[in-house]
């Protein structure tokens, strides 16, 4: 399907794919990437050459206040410096994918010198000696600027050109968060930001580590387009690592920048390496390994996956390891499924996911609320960022054939393999496509298949009735569902005997009774408690004294298709948004950001991730491997 915006852009509307529609061509992708760059240049970039912040990229541009005070908006403990770092990383990837000098020229002239100035001269630029805030909020060791510190990038730094998102939190005109406020004691009804924050974070430091690693290939080569920054980048990596040691300790993404740029072997050896992989992300926790009463948020970012990726690039000297690749492909394919499970009454366009400043929680195997209960807006963070990972995941599947099924083949090949499929077999016996090899359990013979919403069972039994017990773990362990098969019908119960919804068909003849069952997983809003099947999940089925462990897994071809749809369909989705609205909004049908309508806010982070997604798509089309970090010829 293709998903586009309605003409008024008030709603995201699902529209069937038109015959002949295809993914963006390489030329269309390059053109879209350049449009995004040009918009950020014209609307988010501080270009005043006299300003100390020349080259800064404001996180938010309020399109309703273009050309007026308030057009640039910053959170006092939010993401302006984060988003600029992601934008730098995106342009470095775009240059490697296209060879277009516009990306390197922009980096060389604007944001890269700005970030290097802070990382290498923060001890001269910023001091913690003066705090003009109201004292309402305190920064701890992780966050608070220390005297004489290099490698420190504050949450914000400005000269009055932007306004604060947190103006409503001010007390007596004084800022809520610790800061140097050059307008302290002066009338400032607009909550203009002039001065700098006294805070940074481990999160921001990791984003900066990614930025430095992404830029380094353009500076490392003697004739690289950013070679003039080689020494400054090495200093910045050292200073960033030293800063975080003051505030926290070793952080892999920060150490990766230090080791990857300086070649320090001791640092690279310290980076974590996986020896084996098992499912362990929000998708597996929400559906499978949750603790009773535990609230688990659906992801709003894919930052952690980026940190893991770039750390592995540095650790393996640009030769990626298959175990980390398994984990990243798994996260990339499965995490977007959570938002689709939540959206129970409308399809989700490719590349779309939740608005990052609104949280959706799951508890005890279900969403706390579903879209049919409480709609939540979409946003330009996790969806586009996961599209970047889709491009890399496709490259990984090309580089390591069989990667997706490796865990099953090497460790659990004795389990019955049950496939996730796009379309389950029908109840009316028209097709058995996708069903597993049948397994005989006493007098019952059964084959299985699944889609993200339900388990499907088809088979036959002898006698008046039979019982199937479906357990959430191998060897009959964990939560379970009990399915009673009779000639006159089928019933199912879950945890503590709670009734379960199921659709079924029974056909009896003189010797056997054939059955077909669709049993919705627990994540279904209206289903009772049992379990939800996950990719690479292990389960068991029993009838009488006979049992068999089984393993749920999509085919690698289905995973490829899903990743490609999310990436290419997402590029179309967001190009439609950009064309219809004229910018990339931070939220669509979402709650306000502070006191500002989210749909009015153009968001630098969204542009960054979409440019990077386009770059990864181009690398994939060219059969290149991003982790090798090669420059265009």
Foldseek 3Di string as FASTA:
>chain_A
DFWFADLQNQDTDRDDDDPPDDFDDLVRLLVVLVLLVVVQVVFFADCPPVWLQHQFGAFWAQQVQPPHAARGEAAQQDDRLLLLLLQLLLLLLLCQLPVPCVSLVSCQPGNVVNLLCQQAPVLPQDDLPDWQAPPQDDDDLQWFADHSAHLDDFSDADQQRHAYLVCVVGDPLGHHATWDAPCRPHDDNRRTGHGTGRTDHPLSLLSNLSSLLSCQLQQVDPPRSNVVCLVSSQSSLVRNQVSSCRRPRDDLSSLLSNCQSVVPPVSLVPHDDDPADDDDDLQCQLFAVDDAFDKDWQDLAPSVLSSLVSSQLSNVVLDHDLRNLLHLLQCLLRSQVVQQLQAPPHGDFFLKGFQNVDIWIGHQNATPHGCVGPNAWIFLHHSLLSLLSLLQSLLSCVVDPPSNCVCCVPPPVQAFEAEADPDDDDQVPPDHPRWTDWDDAPQWIWTWYHHQWWIKIKTKGFDAKWKKWKAQAPPRDHWIKIWIGGQVDIWIATPPRHGFDKDKDWDDDDGMIIMMIIGTAPHNPPTDDGGGDDAQGKIKMHIDPGIGIHGYHHDVVVSNVSSVSSLSSSLVHQVSVCVSVVARFRIRVHDASSPHRRRSIHGSNSSSSSSSSSSSNSCVVVSHNVSNVDHDD
